[in-house]
């Protein structure tokens, strides 16, 4: 075995050991609770089904689908 191959293997093994140690350190760190995002209140549902509105954006979409 040449000296170049030996150094290459040592480097690989060293890198694998460092990566393993880093992974173990991440797992061992204490967990910090993540703050929950505030939930936005939904507007009330329209009484007579008036939830759909034809806007300029909707009209543009319909014009783009014409063949």
N, C-alpha and C. Protein backbone atom coordinates (compact mmCIF):
# COMPACT_ATOMS: atom_id res chain seq x y z
N UNK A 1 0.86 -1.17 0.00
CA UNK A 1 0.00 0.00 0.00
C UNK A 1 0.90 1.23 0.00
N UNK A 2 0.60 2.19 -0.86
CA UNK A 2 1.43 3.38 -0.95
C UNK A 2 1.07 4.35 0.17
N UNK A 3 1.96 5.29 0.40
CA UNK A 3 1.74 6.25 1.48
C UNK A 3 0.58 7.19 1.16
N UNK A 4 0.34 7.47 -0.12
CA UNK A 4 -0.77 8.34 -0.52
C UNK A 4 -2.10 7.73 -0.18
N UNK A 5 -2.23 6.41 -0.39
CA UNK A 5 -3.48 5.73 -0.05
C UNK A 5 -3.70 5.72 1.45
N UNK A 6 -2.62 5.53 2.20
CA UNK A 6 -2.72 5.50 3.66
C UNK A 6 -3.20 6.85 4.20
N UNK A 7 -2.66 7.94 3.65
CA UNK A 7 -3.08 9.27 4.09
C UNK A 7 -4.52 9.54 3.70
N UNK A 8 -4.90 9.05 2.53
CA UNK A 8 -6.27 9.26 2.07
C UNK A 8 -7.24 8.53 3.00
N UNK A 9 -6.91 7.33 3.37
CA UNK A 9 -7.78 6.56 4.28
C UNK A 9 -7.85 7.21 5.65
N UNK A 10 -6.71 7.69 6.12
CA UNK A 10 -6.69 8.36 7.43
C UNK A 10 -7.56 9.61 7.40
N UNK A 11 -7.47 10.35 6.32
CA UNK A 11 -8.27 11.56 6.20
C UNK A 11 -9.76 11.24 6.18
N UNK A 12 -10.09 10.17 5.46
CA UNK A 12 -11.49 9.76 5.41
C UNK A 12 -11.98 9.34 6.79
N UNK A 13 -11.19 8.54 7.48
CA UNK A 13 -11.60 8.07 8.81
C UNK A 13 -11.69 9.24 9.79
N UNK A 14 -10.76 10.18 9.69
CA UNK A 14 -10.81 11.35 10.56
C UNK A 14 -12.07 12.16 10.27
N UNK A 15 -12.39 12.35 9.00
CA UNK A 15 -13.60 13.09 8.63
C UNK A 15 -14.85 12.40 9.11
N UNK A 16 -14.90 11.08 8.99
CA UNK A 16 -16.05 10.32 9.46
C UNK A 16 -16.20 10.44 10.98
N UNK A 17 -15.08 10.41 11.69
CA UNK A 17 -15.13 10.53 13.15
C UNK A 17 -15.62 11.92 13.56
N UNK A 18 -15.14 12.95 12.87
CA UNK A 18 -15.57 14.32 13.19
C UNK A 18 -17.05 14.49 12.89
N UNK A 19 -17.50 13.95 11.78
CA UNK A 19 -18.92 14.06 11.44
C UNK A 19 -19.78 13.32 12.45
N UNK A 20 -19.35 12.16 12.89
CA UNK A 20 -20.08 11.42 13.90
C UNK A 20 -20.15 12.15 15.22
N UNK A 21 -19.04 12.75 15.61
CA UNK A 21 -19.01 13.51 16.87
C UNK A 21 -19.92 14.73 16.77
N UNK A 22 -19.94 15.38 15.62
CA UNK A 22 -20.81 16.54 15.45
C UNK A 22 -22.27 16.13 15.51
N UNK A 23 -22.61 15.01 14.89
CA UNK A 23 -23.99 14.54 14.93
C UNK A 23 -24.39 14.18 16.36
N UNK A 24 -23.50 13.56 17.10
CA UNK A 24 -23.81 13.21 18.49
C UNK A 24 -24.00 14.47 19.34
N UNK A 25 -23.20 15.50 19.07
CA UNK A 25 -23.33 16.75 19.83
C UNK A 25 -24.66 17.42 19.54
N UNK A 26 -25.10 17.39 18.30
CA UNK A 26 -26.39 18.00 17.95
C UNK A 26 -27.53 17.27 18.63
N UNK A 27 -27.46 15.96 18.68
CA UNK A 27 -28.52 15.18 19.32
C UNK A 27 -28.53 15.44 20.82
N UNK A 28 -27.37 15.65 21.42
CA UNK A 28 -27.28 15.83 22.86
C UNK A 28 -27.66 17.23 23.32
N UNK A 29 -27.73 18.19 22.41
CA UNK A 29 -28.08 19.55 22.82
C UNK A 29 -29.51 19.60 23.36
N UNK A 30 -29.75 20.46 24.35
CA UNK A 30 -31.11 20.57 24.89
C UNK A 30 -32.05 21.18 23.85
N UNK A 31 -33.24 20.72 23.86
CA UNK A 31 -34.24 21.23 22.92
C UNK A 31 -34.82 22.53 23.46
N UNK A 32 -34.94 23.52 22.59
CA UNK A 32 -35.57 24.78 22.97
C UNK A 32 -36.93 24.83 22.29
N UNK A 33 -37.95 25.19 23.04
CA UNK A 33 -39.28 25.23 22.43
C UNK A 33 -39.36 26.36 21.40
N UNK A 34 -39.98 26.08 20.30
CA UNK A 34 -40.15 27.10 19.28
C UNK A 34 -41.43 27.87 19.57
N UNK A 35 -41.38 29.19 19.48
CA UNK A 35 -42.60 29.95 19.74
C UNK A 35 -43.63 29.71 18.65
N UNK A 36 -44.85 29.55 19.05
CA UNK A 36 -45.92 29.30 18.10
C UNK A 36 -46.38 30.62 17.49
N UNK A 37 -46.63 30.59 16.20
CA UNK A 37 -47.10 31.78 15.51
C UNK A 37 -48.54 32.05 15.91
N UNK A 38 -48.89 33.33 16.07
CA UNK A 38 -50.28 33.63 16.42
C UNK A 38 -51.20 33.24 15.26
N UNK A 39 -52.32 32.66 15.61
CA UNK A 39 -53.29 32.23 14.61
C UNK A 39 -54.17 33.41 14.24
N UNK A 40 -54.20 33.73 12.97
CA UNK A 40 -55.03 34.84 12.51
C UNK A 40 -56.49 34.41 12.51
N UNK A 41 -57.33 35.29 13.01
CA UNK A 41 -58.75 34.98 13.04
C UNK A 41 -59.32 35.08 11.64
N UNK A 42 -60.15 34.11 11.28
CA UNK A 42 -60.78 34.11 9.97
C UNK A 42 -62.00 35.03 10.00
N UNK A 43 -62.26 35.70 8.88
CA UNK A 43 -63.45 36.54 8.83
C UNK A 43 -64.70 35.65 8.88
N UNK A 44 -65.81 36.20 9.33
CA UNK A 44 -67.02 35.37 9.41
C UNK A 44 -67.47 34.93 8.02
N UNK A 45 -68.10 33.77 7.96
CA UNK A 45 -68.59 33.23 6.70
C UNK A 45 -69.80 34.05 6.26
N UNK A 46 -69.85 34.44 4.98
CA UNK A 46 -71.00 35.21 4.49
C UNK A 46 -72.29 34.39 4.63
N UNK A 47 -73.37 35.07 4.94
CA UNK A 47 -74.63 34.37 5.19
C UNK A 47 -75.27 33.80 3.93
N UNK A 48 -75.21 34.54 2.82
CA UNK A 48 -75.88 34.09 1.60
C UNK A 48 -74.91 33.56 0.56
N UNK A 49 -73.83 32.94 0.99
CA UNK A 49 -72.88 32.36 0.05
C UNK A 49 -72.14 33.38 -0.77
N UNK A 50 -71.92 34.54 -0.25
CA UNK A 50 -71.26 35.61 -1.00
C UNK A 50 -69.75 35.58 -0.89
N UNK A 51 -69.15 34.40 -0.83
CA UNK A 51 -67.71 34.31 -0.65
C UNK A 51 -66.91 34.51 -1.91
N UNK A 52 -67.51 34.31 -3.08
CA UNK A 52 -66.79 34.42 -4.34
C UNK A 52 -67.06 35.78 -4.97
N UNK A 53 -65.98 36.47 -5.34
CA UNK A 53 -66.11 37.78 -5.98
C UNK A 53 -65.30 37.78 -7.26
N UNK A 54 -65.89 38.27 -8.33
CA UNK A 54 -65.16 38.41 -9.58
C UNK A 54 -64.38 39.71 -9.51
N UNK A 55 -63.06 39.57 -9.45
CA UNK A 55 -62.19 40.73 -9.38
C UNK A 55 -61.45 40.87 -10.70
N UNK A 56 -60.67 41.95 -10.85
CA UNK A 56 -59.90 42.14 -12.07
C UNK A 56 -58.91 41.00 -12.27
N UNK A 57 -58.36 40.49 -11.17
CA UNK A 57 -57.42 39.37 -11.27
C UNK A 57 -58.11 38.13 -11.83
N UNK A 58 -59.31 37.86 -11.38
CA UNK A 58 -60.07 36.71 -11.86
C UNK A 58 -60.44 36.90 -13.32
N UNK A 59 -60.85 38.11 -13.69
CA UNK A 59 -61.20 38.38 -15.09
C UNK A 59 -59.99 38.18 -16.00
N UNK A 60 -58.82 38.62 -15.55
CA UNK A 60 -57.59 38.43 -16.33
C UNK A 60 -57.31 36.94 -16.52
N UNK A 61 -57.51 36.16 -15.48
CA UNK A 61 -57.29 34.72 -15.60
C UNK A 61 -58.24 34.11 -16.63
N UNK A 62 -59.50 34.46 -16.55
CA UNK A 62 -60.47 33.92 -17.50
C UNK A 62 -60.12 34.33 -18.94
N UNK A 63 -59.64 35.57 -19.13
CA UNK A 63 -59.25 36.00 -20.47
C UNK A 63 -58.05 35.19 -20.96
N UNK A 64 -57.15 34.80 -20.06
CA UNK A 64 -55.96 34.06 -20.47
C UNK A 64 -56.27 32.61 -20.84
N UNK A 65 -57.43 32.11 -20.44
CA UNK A 65 -57.76 30.70 -20.74
C UNK A 65 -58.55 30.56 -22.03
N UNK A 66 -58.93 31.67 -22.65
CA UNK A 66 -59.68 31.58 -23.91
C UNK A 66 -58.80 31.02 -25.01
N UNK A 67 -59.39 30.15 -25.81
CA UNK A 67 -58.62 29.54 -26.91
C UNK A 67 -58.92 30.27 -28.20
